PDB file of N, CA and C in Angstrom:
ATOM      1  N   MET A   1      88.173 108.813  77.568  1.00  0.00           N
ATOM      2  CA  MET A   1      88.462 108.358  76.218  1.00  0.00           C
ATOM      3  C   MET A   1      88.766 106.867  76.260  1.00  0.00           C
ATOM      4  N   ASN A   2      87.947 106.086  75.587  1.00  0.00           N
ATOM      5  CA  ASN A   2      88.112 104.639  75.562  1.00  0.00           C
ATOM      6  C   ASN A   2      88.115 104.176  74.117  1.00  0.00           C
ATOM      7  N   ASP A   3      89.236 103.645  73.656  1.00  0.00           N
ATOM      8  CA  ASP A   3      89.317 103.207  72.262  1.00  0.00           C
ATOM      9  C   ASP A   3      89.057 101.710  72.108  1.00  0.00           C
ATOM     10  N   ASN A   4      88.605 101.039  73.197  1.00  0.00           N
ATOM     11  CA  ASN A   4      88.232  99.629  73.183  1.00  0.00           C
ATOM     12  C   ASN A   4      89.322  98.706  72.636  1.00  0.00           C
ATOM     13  N   ARG A   5      90.561  98.949  73.033  1.00  0.00           N
ATOM     14  CA  ARG A   5      91.643  98.045  72.652  1.00  0.00           C
ATOM     15  C   ARG A   5      91.422  96.695  73.311  1.00  0.00           C
ATOM     16  N   GLU A   6      91.899  95.647  72.664  1.00  0.00           N
ATOM     17  CA  GLU A   6      91.813  94.319  73.249  1.00  0.00           C
ATOM     18  C   GLU A   6      93.195  93.871  73.683  1.00  0.00           C
ATOM     19  N   TYR A   7      93.232  93.170  74.795  1.00  0.00           N
ATOM     20  CA  TYR A   7      94.472  92.640  75.337  1.00  0.00           C
ATOM     21  C   TYR A   7      94.301  91.154  75.602  1.00  0.00           C
ATOM     22  N   GLN A   8      95.392  90.421  75.513  1.00  0.00           N
ATOM     23  CA  GLN A   8      95.360  88.996  75.804  1.00  0.00           C
ATOM     24  C   GLN A   8      95.778  88.793  77.256  1.00  0.00           C
ATOM     25  N   CYS A   9      94.956  88.095  78.006  1.00  0.00           N
ATOM     26  CA  CYS A   9      95.238  87.826  79.412  1.00  0.00           C
ATOM     27  C   CYS A   9      96.453  86.904  79.522  1.00  0.00           C
ATOM     28  N   ASN A  10      97.400  87.269  80.375  1.00  0.00           N
ATOM     29  CA  ASN A  10      98.600  86.462  80.567  1.00  0.00           C
ATOM     30  C   ASN A  10      98.322  85.183  81.357  1.00  0.00           C
ATOM     31  N   ILE A  11      97.150  85.054  81.937  1.00  0.00           N
ATOM     32  CA  ILE A  11      96.811  83.868  82.711  1.00  0.00           C
ATOM     33  C   ILE A  11      96.006  82.879  81.864  1.00  0.00           C
ATOM     34  N   CYS A  12      94.864  83.315  81.311  1.00  0.00           N
ATOM     35  CA  CYS A  12      93.979  82.403  80.556  1.00  0.00           C
ATOM     36  C   CYS A  12      94.156  82.515  79.042  1.00  0.00           C
ATOM     37  N   ASN A  13      94.926  83.493  78.577  1.00  0.00           N
ATOM     38  CA  ASN A  13      95.205  83.721  77.154  1.00  0.00           C
ATOM     39  C   ASN A  13      93.987  84.141  76.326  1.00  0.00           C
ATOM     40  N   GLU A  14      92.903  84.554  76.977  1.00  0.00           N
ATOM     41  CA  GLU A  14      91.727  85.022  76.244  1.00  0.00           C
ATOM     42  C   GLU A  14      91.822  86.521  75.986  1.00  0.00           C
ATOM     43  N   GLN A  15      91.198  86.974  74.901  1.00  0.00           N
ATOM     44  CA  GLN A  15      91.173  88.392  74.544  1.00  0.00           C
ATOM     45  C   GLN A  15      90.091  89.099  75.345  1.00  0.00           C
ATOM     46  N   ARG A  16      90.439  90.237  75.917  1.00  0.00           N
ATOM     47  CA  ARG A  16      89.484  91.052  76.676  1.00  0.00           C
ATOM     48  C   ARG A  16      89.651  92.502  76.276  1.00  0.00           C
ATOM     49  N   GLU A  17      88.568  93.261  76.389  1.00  0.00           N
ATOM     50  CA  GLU A  17      88.641  94.690  76.100  1.00  0.00           C
ATOM     51  C   GLU A  17      89.332  95.410  77.250  1.00  0.00           C
ATOM     52  N   GLU A  18      89.989  96.505  76.916  1.00  0.00           N
ATOM     53  CA  GLU A  18      90.605  97.346  77.939  1.00  0.00           C
ATOM     54  C   GLU A  18      89.527  97.763  78.932  1.00  0.00           C
ATOM     55  N   GLY A  19      89.874  97.783  80.188  1.00  0.00           N
ATOM     56  CA  GLY A  19      88.897  98.124  81.214  1.00  0.00           C
ATOM     57  C   GLY A  19      88.272  96.903  81.838  1.00  0.00           C
ATOM     58  N   GLN A  20      88.509  95.720  81.270  1.00  0.00           N
ATOM     59  CA  GLN A  20      87.974  94.484  81.828  1.00  0.00           C
ATOM     60  C   GLN A  20      89.093  93.682  82.488  1.00  0.00           C
ATOM     61  N   GLY A  21      90.010  94.382  83.138  1.00  0.00           N
ATOM     62  CA  GLY A  21      91.122  93.733  83.809  1.00  0.00           C
ATOM     63  C   GLY A  21      92.143  94.759  84.237  1.00  0.00           C
ATOM     64  N   ILE A  22      93.336  94.279  84.580  1.00  0.00           N
ATOM     65  CA  ILE A  22      94.385  95.189  85.031  1.00  0.00           C
ATOM     66  C   ILE A  22      95.628  95.020  84.169  1.00  0.00           C
ATOM     67  N   ARG A  23      96.336  96.123  83.976  1.00  0.00           N
ATOM     68  CA  ARG A  23      97.592  96.118  83.233  1.00  0.00           C
ATOM     69  C   ARG A  23      98.729  96.099  84.239  1.00  0.00           C
ATOM     70  N   ILE A  24      99.705  95.232  84.010  1.00  0.00           N
ATOM     71  CA  ILE A  24     100.896  95.151  84.845  1.00  0.00           C
ATOM     72  C   ILE A  24     102.087  95.195  83.910  1.00  0.00           C
ATOM     73  N   VAL A  25     102.873  96.246  84.005  1.00  0.00           N
ATOM     74  CA  VAL A  25     103.996  96.497  83.098  1.00  0.00           C
ATOM     75  C   VAL A  25     103.425  96.423  81.683  1.00  0.00           C
ATOM     76  N   THR A  26     103.818  95.472  80.872  1.00  0.00           N
ATOM     77  CA  THR A  26     103.227  95.320  79.541  1.00  0.00           C
ATOM     78  C   THR A  26     102.241  94.157  79.503  1.00  0.00           C
ATOM     79  N   GLY A  27     102.025  93.508  80.646  1.00  0.00           N
ATOM     80  CA  GLY A  27     101.107  92.376  80.722  1.00  0.00           C
ATOM     81  C   GLY A  27      99.689  92.813  81.040  1.00  0.00           C
ATOM     82  N   PHE A  28      98.785  91.837  81.014  1.00  0.00           N
ATOM     83  CA  PHE A  28      97.372  92.103  81.274  1.00  0.00           C
ATOM     84  C   PHE A  28      96.778  90.889  81.969  1.00  0.00           C
ATOM     85  N   ILE A  29      95.931  91.134  82.973  1.00  0.00           N
ATOM     86  CA  ILE A  29      95.204  90.064  83.665  1.00  0.00           C
ATOM     87  C   ILE A  29      93.730  90.437  83.653  1.00  0.00           C
ATOM     88  N   CYS A  30      92.899  89.546  83.112  1.00  0.00           N
ATOM     89  CA  CYS A  30      91.462  89.837  83.027  1.00  0.00           C
ATOM     90  C   CYS A  30      90.833  89.775  84.420  1.00  0.00           C
ATOM     91  N   GLU A  31      89.636  90.355  84.543  1.00  0.00           N
ATOM     92  CA  GLU A  31      88.954  90.436  85.831  1.00  0.00           C
ATOM     93  C   GLU A  31      88.688  89.069  86.436  1.00  0.00           C
ATOM     94  N   SER A  32      88.296  88.096  85.614  1.00  0.00           N
ATOM     95  CA  SER A  32      87.971  86.776  86.163  1.00  0.00           C
ATOM     96  C   SER A  32      89.215  86.076  86.701  1.00  0.00           C
ATOM     97  N   CYS A  33      90.338  86.199  86.005  1.00  0.00           N
ATOM     98  CA  CYS A  33      91.586  85.607  86.508  1.00  0.00           C
ATOM     99  C   CYS A  33      92.064  86.334  87.758  1.00  0.00           C
ATOM    100  N   GLU A  34      91.935  87.649  87.762  1.00  0.00           N
ATOM    101  CA  GLU A  34      92.324  88.430  88.936  1.00  0.00           C
ATOM    102  C   GLU A  34      91.521  87.975  90.161  1.00  0.00           C
ATOM    103  N   ALA A  35      90.219  87.814  89.998  1.00  0.00           N
ATOM    104  CA  ALA A  35      89.357  87.399  91.101  1.00  0.00           C
ATOM    105  C   ALA A  35      89.731  85.999  91.583  1.00  0.00           C
ATOM    106  N   GLU A  36      90.016  85.105  90.652  1.00  0.00           N
ATOM    107  CA  GLU A  36      90.400  83.742  91.031  1.00  0.00           C
ATOM    108  C   GLU A  36      91.749  83.729  91.748  1.00  0.00           C
ATOM    109  N   MET A  37      92.694  84.538  91.271  1.00  0.00           N
ATOM    110  CA  MET A  37      94.009  84.602  91.905  1.00  0.00           C
ATOM    111  C   MET A  37      93.901  85.112  93.340  1.00  0.00           C
ATOM    112  N   VAL A  38      93.074  86.120  93.557  1.00  0.00           N
ATOM    113  CA  VAL A  38      92.941  86.727  94.876  1.00  0.00           C
ATOM    114  C   VAL A  38      92.377  85.730  95.888  1.00  0.00           C
ATOM    115  N   LYS A  39      91.448  84.873  95.463  1.00  0.00           N
ATOM    116  CA  LYS A  39      90.838  83.932  96.406  1.00  0.00           C
ATOM    117  C   LYS A  39      91.590  82.598  96.505  1.00  0.00           C
ATOM    118  N   THR A  40      92.657  82.415  95.730  1.00  0.00           N
ATOM    119  CA  THR A  40      93.405  81.159  95.748  1.00  0.00           C
ATOM    120  C   THR A  40      94.364  81.117  96.929  1.00  0.00           C
ATOM    121  N   ASP A  41      94.255  80.054  97.705  1.00  0.00           N
ATOM    122  CA  ASP A  41      95.129  79.839  98.841  1.00  0.00           C
ATOM    123  C   ASP A  41      96.493  79.339  98.360  1.00  0.00           C
ATOM    124  N   VAL A  42      97.547  79.629  99.113  1.00  0.00           N
ATOM    125  CA  VAL A  42      98.897  79.211  98.712  1.00  0.00           C
ATOM    126  C   VAL A  42      99.045  77.693  98.672  1.00  0.00           C
ATOM    127  N   LYS A  43      98.165  76.971  99.338  1.00  0.00           N
ATOM    128  CA  LYS A  43      98.205  75.503  99.338  1.00  0.00           C
ATOM    129  C   LYS A  43      97.418  74.898  98.173  1.00  0.00           C
ATOM    130  N   ASP A  44      96.704  75.734  97.446  1.00  0.00           N
ATOM    131  CA  ASP A  44      95.900  75.269  96.308  1.00  0.00           C
ATOM    132  C   ASP A  44      96.815  74.837  95.173  1.00  0.00           C
ATOM    133  N   ALA A  45      96.402  73.837  94.428  1.00  0.00           N
ATOM    134  CA  ALA A  45      97.192  73.309  93.310  1.00  0.00           C
ATOM    135  C   ALA A  45      97.391  74.345  92.202  1.00  0.00           C
ATOM    136  N   LYS A  46      96.488  75.312  92.073  1.00  0.00           N
ATOM    137  CA  LYS A  46      96.602  76.331  91.017  1.00  0.00           C
ATOM    138  C   LYS A  46      97.592  77.445  91.358  1.00  0.00           C
ATOM    139  N   TYR A  47      97.952  77.565  92.623  1.00  0.00           N
ATOM    140  CA  TYR A  47      98.823  78.654  93.058  1.00  0.00           C
ATOM    141  C   TYR A  47     100.148  78.692  92.286  1.00  0.00           C
ATOM    142  N   PRO A  48     100.862  77.570  92.153  1.00  0.00           N
ATOM    143  CA  PRO A  48     102.127  77.603  91.388  1.00  0.00           C
ATOM    144  C   PRO A  48     101.920  78.005  89.922  1.00  0.00           C
ATOM    145  N   PHE A  49     100.781  77.631  89.342  1.00  0.00           N
ATOM    146  CA  PHE A  49     100.465  78.031  87.970  1.00  0.00           C
ATOM    147  C   PHE A  49     100.361  79.553  87.866  1.00  0.00           C
ATOM    148  N   PHE A  50      99.639  80.172  88.799  1.00  0.00           N
ATOM    149  CA  PHE A  50      99.500  81.625  88.789  1.00  0.00           C
ATOM    150  C   PHE A  50     100.856  82.304  88.950  1.00  0.00           C
ATOM    151  N   ILE A  51     101.690  81.793  89.840  1.00  0.00           N
ATOM    152  CA  ILE A  51     103.021  82.365  90.048  1.00  0.00           C
ATOM    153  C   ILE A  51     103.834  82.272  88.761  1.00  0.00           C
ATOM    154  N   HIS A  52     103.791  81.118  88.109  1.00  0.00           N
ATOM    155  CA  HIS A  52     104.526  80.936  86.850  1.00  0.00           C
ATOM    156  C   HIS A  52     104.057  81.928  85.790  1.00  0.00           C
ATOM    157  N   GLN A  53     102.759  82.076  85.641  1.00  0.00           N
ATOM    158  CA  GLN A  53     102.213  82.985  84.632  1.00  0.00           C
ATOM    159  C   GLN A  53     102.586  84.440  84.940  1.00  0.00           C
ATOM    160  N   MET A  54     102.558  84.816  86.214  1.00  0.00           N
ATOM    161  CA  MET A  54     102.932  86.179  86.595  1.00  0.00           C
ATOM    162  C   MET A  54     104.413  86.435  86.303  1.00  0.00           C
ATOM    163  N   LYS A  55     105.259  85.457  86.548  1.00  0.00           N
ATOM    164  CA  LYS A  55     106.690  85.607  86.274  1.00  0.00           C
ATOM    165  C   LYS A  55     106.932  85.882  84.794  1.00  0.00           C
ATOM    166  N   GLN A  56     106.125  85.291  83.930  1.00  0.00           N
ATOM    167  CA  GLN A  56     106.284  85.474  82.494  1.00  0.00           C
ATOM    168  C   GLN A  56     106.145  86.942  82.082  1.00  0.00           C
ATOM    169  N   ILE A  57     105.295  87.677  82.793  1.00  0.00           N
ATOM    170  CA  ILE A  57     105.113  89.100  82.494  1.00  0.00           C
ATOM    171  C   ILE A  57     106.426  89.838  82.696  1.00  0.00           C
ATOM    172  N   PHE A  58     107.084  89.567  83.810  1.00  0.00           N
ATOM    173  CA  PHE A  58     108.316  90.288  84.140  1.00  0.00           C
ATOM    174  C   PHE A  58     109.523  89.750  83.399  1.00  0.00           C
ATOM    175  N   LEU A  59     109.570  88.457  83.125  1.00  0.00           N
ATOM    176  CA  LEU A  59     110.689  87.875  82.399  1.00  0.00           C
ATOM    177  C   LEU A  59     110.726  88.330  80.953  1.00  0.00           C
ATOM    178  N   SER A  60     109.562  88.504  80.336  1.00  0.00           N
ATOM    179  CA  SER A  60     109.530  88.937  78.936  1.00  0.00           C
ATOM    180  C   SER A  60     110.080  90.344  78.769  1.00  0.00           C
ATOM    181  N   GLU A  61     109.963  91.175  79.805  1.00  0.00           N
ATOM    182  CA  GLU A  61     110.501  92.536  79.759  1.00  0.00           C
ATOM    183  C   GLU A  61     112.016  92.545  79.844  1.00  0.00           C
ATOM    184  N   ASN A  62     112.594  91.602  80.586  1.00  0.00           N
ATOM    185  CA  ASN A  62     114.025  91.606  80.841  1.00  0.00           C
ATOM    186  C   ASN A  62     114.796  90.642  79.957  1.00  0.00           C
ATOM    187  N   ALA A  63     114.153  90.029  79.001  1.00  0.00           N
ATOM    188  CA  ALA A  63     114.828  89.046  78.156  1.00  0.00           C
ATOM    189  C   ALA A  63     115.799  89.699  77.196  1.00  0.00           C
TER     190      ALA A  63
END
């Protein structure tokens, strides 16, 4: 059963259909951001950005 809900990616803020990414708690990460995060080295300039965006998912739950 797929009702084609749309979710906003917590990383790129774009709308994606359910099934085109992963749900984490109440957050959502689209497939393209997930793939980019997985291949990003800890020394890469984007790494701190990804960490910050991921923290937002968990902080919004505990606010």
